[in-house]
Amino acid sequence: MIIKDFEQLSSKERREFLINSCQYLTSINFTDELITDLFYCQEGNFFIEVFYSVLWEKFLEMNPVKDTDQLAKYMREVDFGEIFEALNAR
């Protein structure tokens, strides 16, 4: 699946795809009320950000990362070199 395919999925289909086809990488707590999880989809070679509200206890958004500049905020949390090596070893 490529990014364009993912974007066409319903919210339910996106969740199923994320659970079944993506690798969890890390989480960032931007505030006490908002958590962002980062996943990697090896099949389509793209990342997905999942925004979760602690206050409302629900997912707010699930978006593919289209621009690698968006990954900068995760650089302290994730060693992408090690991740890609591990994924390519499969």
PDB file of N, CA and C in Angstrom:
ATOM      1  N   MET A   1       0.844  -1.174   0.000  1.00  0.00           N
ATOM      2  CA  MET A   1       0.000   0.000   0.000  1.00  0.00           C
ATOM      3  C   MET A   1       0.891   1.240   0.000  1.00  0.00           C
ATOM      4  N   ILE A   2       0.545   2.188  -0.825  1.00  0.00           N
ATOM      5  CA  ILE A   2       1.280   3.448  -0.865  1.00  0.00           C
ATOM      6  C   ILE A   2       0.473   4.517  -0.132  1.00  0.00           C
ATOM      7  N   ILE A   3       1.091   5.675   0.072  1.00  0.00           N
ATOM      8  CA  ILE A   3       0.437   6.753   0.829  1.00  0.00           C
ATOM      9  C   ILE A   3      -0.925   7.103   0.238  1.00  0.00           C
ATOM     10  N   LYS A   4      -1.019   7.205  -1.066  1.00  0.00           N
ATOM     11  CA  LYS A   4      -2.293   7.585  -1.694  1.00  0.00           C
ATOM     12  C   LYS A   4      -3.383   6.571  -1.376  1.00  0.00           C
ATOM     13  N   ASP A   5      -3.036   5.286  -1.350  1.00  0.00           N
ATOM     14  CA  ASP A   5      -4.010   4.255  -0.987  1.00  0.00           C
ATOM     15  C   ASP A   5      -4.451   4.421   0.462  1.00  0.00           C
ATOM     16  N   PHE A   6      -3.474   4.661   1.349  1.00  0.00           N
ATOM     17  CA  PHE A   6      -3.779   4.832   2.765  1.00  0.00           C
ATOM     18  C   PHE A   6      -4.725   6.006   2.984  1.00  0.00           C
ATOM     19  N   GLU A   7      -4.486   7.093   2.268  1.00  0.00           N
ATOM     20  CA  GLU A   7      -5.321   8.285   2.421  1.00  0.00           C
ATOM     21  C   GLU A   7      -6.773   8.043   2.019  1.00  0.00           C
ATOM     22  N   GLN A   8      -7.014   7.077   1.168  1.00  0.00           N
ATOM     23  CA  GLN A   8      -8.367   6.788   0.702  1.00  0.00           C
ATOM     24  C   GLN A   8      -9.148   5.880   1.661  1.00  0.00           C
ATOM     25  N   LEU A   9      -8.466   5.301   2.643  1.00  0.00           N
ATOM     26  CA  LEU A   9      -9.122   4.384   3.570  1.00  0.00           C
ATOM     27  C   LEU A   9      -9.993   5.122   4.581  1.00  0.00           C
ATOM     28  N   SER A  10     -11.018   4.448   5.053  1.00  0.00           N
ATOM     29  CA  SER A  10     -11.839   4.998   6.132  1.00  0.00           C
ATOM     30  C   SER A  10     -11.040   4.959   7.432  1.00  0.00           C
ATOM     31  N   SER A  11     -11.516   5.616   8.462  1.00  0.00           N
ATOM     32  CA  SER A  11     -10.825   5.603   9.757  1.00  0.00           C
ATOM     33  C   SER A  11     -10.663   4.185  10.288  1.00  0.00           C
ATOM     34  N   LYS A  12     -11.709   3.392  10.150  1.00  0.00           N
ATOM     35  CA  LYS A  12     -11.656   2.009  10.623  1.00  0.00           C
ATOM     36  C   LYS A  12     -10.616   1.214   9.839  1.00  0.00           C
ATOM     37  N   GLU A  13     -10.575   1.381   8.519  1.00  0.00           N
ATOM     38  CA  GLU A  13      -9.608   0.671   7.683  1.00  0.00           C
ATOM     39  C   GLU A  13      -8.178   1.121   7.987  1.00  0.00           C
ATOM     40  N   ARG A  14      -8.011   2.408   8.276  1.00  0.00           N
ATOM     41  CA  ARG A  14      -6.684   2.911   8.641  1.00  0.00           C
ATOM     42  C   ARG A  14      -6.202   2.252   9.933  1.00  0.00           C
ATOM     43  N   ARG A  15      -7.082   2.156  10.925  1.00  0.00           N
ATOM     44  CA  ARG A  15      -6.707   1.515  12.189  1.00  0.00           C
ATOM     45  C   ARG A  15      -6.322   0.057  11.965  1.00  0.00           C
ATOM     46  N   GLU A  16      -7.108  -0.660  11.185  1.00  0.00           N
ATOM     47  CA  GLU A  16      -6.810  -2.068  10.907  1.00  0.00           C
ATOM     48  C   GLU A  16      -5.467  -2.219  10.187  1.00  0.00           C
ATOM     49  N   PHE A  17      -5.230  -1.363   9.210  1.00  0.00           N
ATOM     50  CA  PHE A  17      -3.968  -1.403   8.483  1.00  0.00           C
ATOM     51  C   PHE A  17      -2.804  -1.122   9.430  1.00  0.00           C
ATOM     52  N   LEU A  18      -2.950  -0.124  10.271  1.00  0.00           N
ATOM     53  CA  LEU A  18      -1.901   0.239  11.220  1.00  0.00           C
ATOM     54  C   LEU A  18      -1.576  -0.933  12.135  1.00  0.00           C
ATOM     55  N   ILE A  19      -2.582  -1.568  12.677  1.00  0.00           N
ATOM     56  CA  ILE A  19      -2.402  -2.688  13.603  1.00  0.00           C
ATOM     57  C   ILE A  19      -1.754  -3.890  12.914  1.00  0.00           C
ATOM     58  N   ASN A  20      -2.175  -4.178  11.699  1.00  0.00           N
ATOM     59  CA  ASN A  20      -1.737  -5.393  11.015  1.00  0.00           C
ATOM     60  C   ASN A  20      -0.486  -5.243  10.148  1.00  0.00           C
ATOM     61  N   SER A  21      -0.161  -4.013   9.738  1.00  0.00           N
ATOM     62  CA  SER A  21       0.888  -3.872   8.734  1.00  0.00           C
ATOM     63  C   SER A  21       1.996  -2.879   9.070  1.00  0.00           C
ATOM     64  N   CYS A  22       1.944  -2.269  10.240  1.00  0.00           N
ATOM     65  CA  CYS A  22       2.917  -1.226  10.555  1.00  0.00           C
ATOM     66  C   CYS A  22       3.662  -1.538  11.845  1.00  0.00           C
ATOM     67  N   GLN A  23       4.823  -0.948  11.960  1.00  0.00           N
ATOM     68  CA  GLN A  23       5.699  -1.144  13.123  1.00  0.00           C
ATOM     69  C   GLN A  23       5.681   0.117  13.982  1.00  0.00           C
ATOM     70  N   TYR A  24       5.335  -0.037  15.256  1.00  0.00           N
ATOM     71  CA  TYR A  24       5.376   1.084  16.196  1.00  0.00           C
ATOM     72  C   TYR A  24       6.829   1.483  16.426  1.00  0.00           C
ATOM     73  N   LEU A  25       7.102   2.805  16.426  1.00  0.00           N
ATOM     74  CA  LEU A  25       8.458   3.294  16.641  1.00  0.00           C
ATOM     75  C   LEU A  25       8.612   4.026  17.970  1.00  0.00           C
ATOM     76  N   THR A  26       7.772   5.025  18.214  1.00  0.00           N
ATOM     77  CA  THR A  26       7.920   5.827  19.432  1.00  0.00           C
ATOM     78  C   THR A  26       6.678   6.675  19.676  1.00  0.00           C
ATOM     79  N   SER A  27       6.635   7.299  20.853  1.00  0.00           N
ATOM     80  CA  SER A  27       5.572   8.231  21.215  1.00  0.00           C
ATOM     81  C   SER A  27       6.187   9.517  21.731  1.00  0.00           C
ATOM     82  N   ILE A  28       5.481  10.604  21.510  1.00  0.00           N
ATOM     83  CA  ILE A  28       5.874  11.887  22.075  1.00  0.00           C
ATOM     84  C   ILE A  28       4.651  12.477  22.767  1.00  0.00           C
ATOM     85  N   ASN A  29       4.838  12.892  24.014  1.00  0.00           N
ATOM     86  CA  ASN A  29       3.778  13.582  24.740  1.00  0.00           C
ATOM     87  C   ASN A  29       3.992  15.078  24.545  1.00  0.00           C
ATOM     88  N   PHE A  30       3.204  15.676  23.683  1.00  0.00           N
ATOM     89  CA  PHE A  30       3.357  17.109  23.435  1.00  0.00           C
ATOM     90  C   PHE A  30       2.793  17.921  24.589  1.00  0.00           C
ATOM     91  N   THR A  31       1.706  17.437  25.155  1.00  0.00           N
ATOM     92  CA  THR A  31       1.113  18.038  26.351  1.00  0.00           C
ATOM     93  C   THR A  31       0.599  16.889  27.198  1.00  0.00           C
ATOM     94  N   ASP A  32       0.048  17.204  28.354  1.00  0.00           N
ATOM     95  CA  ASP A  32      -0.549  16.157  29.186  1.00  0.00           C
ATOM     96  C   ASP A  32      -1.783  15.558  28.527  1.00  0.00           C
ATOM     97  N   GLU A  33      -2.326  16.263  27.542  1.00  0.00           N
ATOM     98  CA  GLU A  33      -3.569  15.826  26.905  1.00  0.00           C
ATOM     99  C   GLU A  33      -3.389  15.247  25.510  1.00  0.00           C
ATOM    100  N   LEU A  34      -2.204  15.401  24.912  1.00  0.00           N
ATOM    101  CA  LEU A  34      -2.000  14.952  23.536  1.00  0.00           C
ATOM    102  C   LEU A  34      -0.741  14.108  23.405  1.00  0.00           C
ATOM    103  N   ILE A  35      -0.922  12.916  22.858  1.00  0.00           N
ATOM    104  CA  ILE A  35       0.181  11.996  22.590  1.00  0.00           C
ATOM    105  C   ILE A  35       0.215  11.745  21.087  1.00  0.00           C
ATOM    106  N   THR A  36       1.410  11.718  20.526  1.00  0.00           N
ATOM    107  CA  THR A  36       1.570  11.374  19.119  1.00  0.00           C
ATOM    108  C   THR A  36       2.439  10.128  19.030  1.00  0.00           C
ATOM    109  N   ASP A  37       1.916   9.104  18.359  1.00  0.00           N
ATOM    110  CA  ASP A  37       2.658   7.865  18.118  1.00  0.00           C
ATOM    111  C   ASP A  37       3.160   7.891  16.678  1.00  0.00           C
ATOM    112  N   LEU A  38       4.332   7.350  16.471  1.00  0.00           N
ATOM    113  CA  LEU A  38       4.899   7.253  15.132  1.00  0.00           C
ATOM    114  C   LEU A  38       5.033   5.783  14.762  1.00  0.00           C
ATOM    115  N   PHE A  39       4.538   5.439  13.580  1.00  0.00           N
ATOM    116  CA  PHE A  39       4.601   4.082  13.052  1.00  0.00           C
ATOM    117  C   PHE A  39       5.300   4.114  11.701  1.00  0.00           C
ATOM    118  N   TYR A  40       5.862   2.970  11.309  1.00  0.00           N
ATOM    119  CA  TYR A  40       6.485   2.838  10.004  1.00  0.00           C
ATOM    120  C   TYR A  40       5.809   1.714   9.238  1.00  0.00           C
ATOM    121  N   CYS A  41       5.464   1.995   8.000  1.00  0.00           N
ATOM    122  CA  CYS A  41       4.868   0.997   7.118  1.00  0.00           C
ATOM    123  C   CYS A  41       5.928   0.587   6.108  1.00  0.00           C
ATOM    124  N   GLN A  42       6.524  -0.573   6.330  1.00  0.00           N
ATOM    125  CA  GLN A  42       7.589  -1.036   5.441  1.00  0.00           C
ATOM    126  C   GLN A  42       7.058  -1.353   4.049  1.00  0.00           C
ATOM    127  N   GLU A  43       5.863  -1.906   3.995  1.00  0.00           N
ATOM    128  CA  GLU A  43       5.265  -2.284   2.710  1.00  0.00           C
ATOM    129  C   GLU A  43       5.198  -1.101   1.744  1.00  0.00           C
ATOM    130  N   GLY A  44       4.824   0.065   2.247  1.00  0.00           N
ATOM    131  CA  GLY A  44       4.715   1.240   1.390  1.00  0.00           C
ATOM    132  C   GLY A  44       5.830   2.237   1.587  1.00  0.00           C
ATOM    133  N   ASN A  45       6.736   1.925   2.535  1.00  0.00           N
ATOM    134  CA  ASN A  45       7.882   2.774   2.838  1.00  0.00           C
ATOM    135  C   ASN A  45       7.461   4.196   3.213  1.00  0.00           C
ATOM    136  N   PHE A  46       6.544   4.291   4.202  1.00  0.00           N
ATOM    137  CA  PHE A  46       6.148   5.598   4.697  1.00  0.00           C
ATOM    138  C   PHE A  46       5.846   5.517   6.191  1.00  0.00           C
ATOM    139  N   PHE A  47       5.804   6.688   6.815  1.00  0.00           N
ATOM    140  CA  PHE A  47       5.527   6.796   8.244  1.00  0.00           C
ATOM    141  C   PHE A  47       4.097   7.285   8.453  1.00  0.00           C
ATOM    142  N   ILE A  48       3.545   6.948   9.627  1.00  0.00           N
ATOM    143  CA  ILE A  48       2.200   7.387   9.987  1.00  0.00           C
ATOM    144  C   ILE A  48       2.244   7.979  11.384  1.00  0.00           C
ATOM    145  N   GLU A  49       1.666   9.177  11.523  1.00  0.00           N
ATOM    146  CA  GLU A  49       1.524   9.795  12.837  1.00  0.00           C
ATOM    147  C   GLU A  49       0.107   9.555  13.330  1.00  0.00           C
ATOM    148  N   VAL A  50       0.005   9.149  14.590  1.00  0.00           N
ATOM    149  CA  VAL A  50      -1.298   8.921  15.208  1.00  0.00           C
ATOM    150  C   VAL A  50      -1.413   9.866  16.391  1.00  0.00           C
ATOM    151  N   PHE A  51      -2.423  10.725  16.346  1.00  0.00           N
ATOM    152  CA  PHE A  51      -2.654  11.697  17.409  1.00  0.00           C
ATOM    153  C   PHE A  51      -3.764  11.177  18.315  1.00  0.00           C
ATOM    154  N   TYR A  52      -3.451  11.089  19.611  1.00  0.00           N
ATOM    155  CA  TYR A  52      -4.374  10.514  20.591  1.00  0.00           C
ATOM    156  C   TYR A  52      -4.640  11.526  21.701  1.00  0.00           C
ATOM    157  N   SER A  53      -5.916  11.724  22.037  1.00  0.00           N
ATOM    158  CA  SER A  53      -6.303  12.614  23.123  1.00  0.00           C
ATOM    159  C   SER A  53      -6.451  11.817  24.408  1.00  0.00           C
ATOM    160  N   VAL A  54      -5.627  12.137  25.399  1.00  0.00           N
ATOM    161  CA  VAL A  54      -5.730  11.494  26.704  1.00  0.00           C
ATOM    162  C   VAL A  54      -7.017  11.949  27.382  1.00  0.00           C
ATOM    163  N   LEU A  55      -7.339  13.217  27.212  1.00  0.00           N
ATOM    164  CA  LEU A  55      -8.537  13.793  27.833  1.00  0.00           C
ATOM    165  C   LEU A  55      -9.803  13.104  27.345  1.00  0.00           C
ATOM    166  N   TRP A  56      -9.931  12.920  26.030  1.00  0.00           N
ATOM    167  CA  TRP A  56     -11.128  12.305  25.454  1.00  0.00           C
ATOM    168  C   TRP A  56     -10.997  10.802  25.275  1.00  0.00           C
ATOM    169  N   GLU A  57      -9.797  10.275  25.518  1.00  0.00           N
ATOM    170  CA  GLU A  57      -9.509   8.841  25.370  1.00  0.00           C
ATOM    171  C   GLU A  57      -9.910   8.309  23.996  1.00  0.00           C
ATOM    172  N   LYS A  58      -9.463   9.024  22.957  1.00  0.00           N
ATOM    173  CA  LYS A  58      -9.758   8.570  21.597  1.00  0.00           C
ATOM    174  C   LYS A  58      -8.717   9.109  20.623  1.00  0.00           C
ATOM    175  N   PHE A  59      -8.648   8.439  19.468  1.00  0.00           N
ATOM    176  CA  PHE A  59      -7.759   8.873  18.402  1.00  0.00           C
ATOM    177  C   PHE A  59      -8.370  10.089  17.720  1.00  0.00           C
ATOM    178  N   LEU A  60      -7.550  11.095  17.487  1.00  0.00           N
ATOM    179  CA  LEU A  60      -8.017  12.302  16.826  1.00  0.00           C
ATOM    180  C   LEU A  60      -7.725  12.270  15.329  1.00  0.00           C
ATOM    181  N   GLU A  61      -6.518  11.866  14.982  1.00  0.00           N
ATOM    182  CA  GLU A  61      -6.103  11.810  13.579  1.00  0.00           C
ATOM    183  C   GLU A  61      -5.098  10.688  13.374  1.00  0.00           C
ATOM    184  N   MET A  62      -5.041  10.219  12.140  1.00  0.00           N
ATOM    185  CA  MET A  62      -4.066   9.215  11.740  1.00  0.00           C
ATOM    186  C   MET A  62      -3.636   9.595  10.327  1.00  0.00           C
ATOM    187  N   ASN A  63      -2.457  10.207  10.232  1.00  0.00           N
ATOM    188  CA  ASN A  63      -2.037  10.776   8.957  1.00  0.00           C
ATOM    189  C   ASN A  63      -0.691  10.239   8.496  1.00  0.00           C
ATOM    190  N   PRO A  64      -0.561  10.001   7.193  1.00  0.00           N
ATOM    191  CA  PRO A  64       0.749   9.619   6.670  1.00  0.00           C
ATOM    192  C   PRO A  64       1.672  10.825   6.686  1.00  0.00           C
ATOM    193  N   VAL A  65       2.956  10.567   6.886  1.00  0.00           N
ATOM    194  CA  VAL A  65       3.962  11.622   6.858  1.00  0.00           C
ATOM    195  C   VAL A  65       4.419  11.761   5.417  1.00  0.00           C
ATOM    196  N   LYS A  66       4.116  12.909   4.813  1.00  0.00           N
ATOM    197  CA  LYS A  66       4.449  13.124   3.407  1.00  0.00           C
ATOM    198  C   LYS A  66       5.803  13.786   3.224  1.00  0.00           C
ATOM    199  N   ASP A  67       6.243  14.515   4.233  1.00  0.00           N
ATOM    200  CA  ASP A  67       7.483  15.276   4.134  1.00  0.00           C
ATOM    201  C   ASP A  67       8.407  14.845   5.263  1.00  0.00           C
ATOM    202  N   THR A  68       9.605  14.437   4.939  1.00  0.00           N
ATOM    203  CA  THR A  68      10.520  13.945   5.971  1.00  0.00           C
ATOM    204  C   THR A  68      10.867  15.015   7.003  1.00  0.00           C
ATOM    205  N   ASP A  69      10.654  16.290   6.685  1.00  0.00           N
ATOM    206  CA  ASP A  69      10.869  17.347   7.678  1.00  0.00           C
ATOM    207  C   ASP A  69       9.953  17.151   8.889  1.00  0.00           C
ATOM    208  N   GLN A  70       8.806  16.516   8.677  1.00  0.00           N
ATOM    209  CA  GLN A  70       7.875  16.241   9.772  1.00  0.00           C
ATOM    210  C   GLN A  70       8.469  15.266  10.794  1.00  0.00           C
ATOM    211  N   LEU A  71       9.482  14.515  10.394  1.00  0.00           N
ATOM    212  CA  LEU A  71      10.091  13.525  11.287  1.00  0.00           C
ATOM    213  C   LEU A  71      11.098  14.144  12.248  1.00  0.00           C
ATOM    214  N   ALA A  72      11.478  15.384  12.030  1.00  0.00           N
ATOM    215  CA  ALA A  72      12.509  16.027  12.848  1.00  0.00           C
ATOM    216  C   ALA A  72      12.173  15.986  14.336  1.00  0.00           C
ATOM    217  N   LYS A  73      10.916  16.145  14.688  1.00  0.00           N
ATOM    218  CA  LYS A  73      10.531  16.159  16.100  1.00  0.00           C
ATOM    219  C   LYS A  73      10.747  14.808  16.780  1.00  0.00           C
ATOM    220  N   TYR A  74      10.908  13.749  15.999  1.00  0.00           N
ATOM    221  CA  TYR A  74      11.131  12.413  16.558  1.00  0.00           C
ATOM    222  C   TYR A  74      12.607  12.035  16.650  1.00  0.00           C
ATOM    223  N   MET A  75      13.479  12.823  16.092  1.00  0.00           N
ATOM    224  CA  MET A  75      14.895  12.459  15.991  1.00  0.00           C
ATOM    225  C   MET A  75      15.551  12.158  17.330  1.00  0.00           C
ATOM    226  N   ARG A  76      15.169  12.839  18.382  1.00  0.00           N
ATOM    227  CA  ARG A  76      15.736  12.555  19.701  1.00  0.00           C
ATOM    228  C   ARG A  76      15.257  11.214  20.242  1.00  0.00           C
ATOM    229  N   GLU A  77      14.084  10.799  19.808  1.00  0.00           N
ATOM    230  CA  GLU A  77      13.463   9.600  20.349  1.00  0.00           C
ATOM    231  C   GLU A  77      13.843   8.333  19.598  1.00  0.00           C
ATOM    232  N   VAL A  78      14.151   8.458  18.315  1.00  0.00           N
ATOM    233  CA  VAL A  78      14.305   7.286  17.459  1.00  0.00           C
ATOM    234  C   VAL A  78      15.626   7.356  16.692  1.00  0.00           C
ATOM    235  N   ASP A  79      16.351   6.246  16.664  1.00  0.00           N
ATOM    236  CA  ASP A  79      17.521   6.117  15.804  1.00  0.00           C
ATOM    237  C   ASP A  79      17.043   5.451  14.518  1.00  0.00           C
ATOM    238  N   PHE A  80      16.765   6.244  13.514  1.00  0.00           N
ATOM    239  CA  PHE A  80      16.189   5.725  12.278  1.00  0.00           C
ATOM    240  C   PHE A  80      17.132   4.775  11.553  1.00  0.00           C
ATOM    241  N   GLY A  81      18.429   4.975  11.684  1.00  0.00           N
ATOM    242  CA  GLY A  81      19.387   4.070  11.046  1.00  0.00           C
ATOM    243  C   GLY A  81      19.236   2.647  11.554  1.00  0.00           C
ATOM    244  N   GLU A  82      19.127   2.488  12.871  1.00  0.00           N
ATOM    245  CA  GLU A  82      18.948   1.153  13.449  1.00  0.00           C
ATOM    246  C   GLU A  82      17.613   0.548  13.033  1.00  0.00           C
ATOM    247  N   ILE A  83      16.594   1.361  12.972  1.00  0.00           N
ATOM    248  CA  ILE A  83      15.265   0.868  12.586  1.00  0.00           C
ATOM    249  C   ILE A  83      15.290   0.337  11.158  1.00  0.00           C
ATOM    250  N   PHE A  84      15.865   1.110  10.238  1.00  0.00           N
ATOM    251  CA  PHE A  84      15.909   0.661   8.853  1.00  0.00           C
ATOM    252  C   PHE A  84      16.758  -0.587   8.690  1.00  0.00           C
ATOM    253  N   GLU A  85      17.837  -0.698   9.444  1.00  0.00           N
ATOM    254  CA  GLU A  85      18.658  -1.904   9.380  1.00  0.00           C
ATOM    255  C   GLU A  85      17.854  -3.110   9.836  1.00  0.00           C
ATOM    256  N   ALA A  86      17.132  -2.963  10.945  1.00  0.00           N
ATOM    257  CA  ALA A  86      16.336  -4.069  11.471  1.00  0.00           C
ATOM    258  C   ALA A  86      15.222  -4.456  10.494  1.00  0.00           C
ATOM    259  N   LEU A  87      14.576  -3.475   9.919  1.00  0.00           N
ATOM    260  CA  LEU A  87      13.483  -3.750   8.972  1.00  0.00           C
ATOM    261  C   LEU A  87      14.001  -4.400   7.698  1.00  0.00           C
ATOM    262  N   ASN A  88      15.152  -3.975   7.239  1.00  0.00           N
ATOM    263  CA  ASN A  88      15.718  -4.552   6.015  1.00  0.00           C
ATOM    264  C   ASN A  88      16.271  -5.951   6.225  1.00  0.00           C
ATOM    265  N   ALA A  89      16.563  -6.303   7.474  1.00  0.00           N
ATOM    266  CA  ALA A  89      17.091  -7.637   7.783  1.00  0.00           C
ATOM    267  C   ALA A  89      16.009  -8.708   7.751  1.00  0.00           C
ATOM    268  N   ARG A  90      14.755  -8.290   7.760  1.00  0.00           N
ATOM    269  CA  ARG A  90      13.647  -9.276   7.758  1.00  0.00           C
ATOM    270  C   ARG A  90      13.517 -10.001   6.461  1.00  0.00           C
TER     271      ARG A  90
END
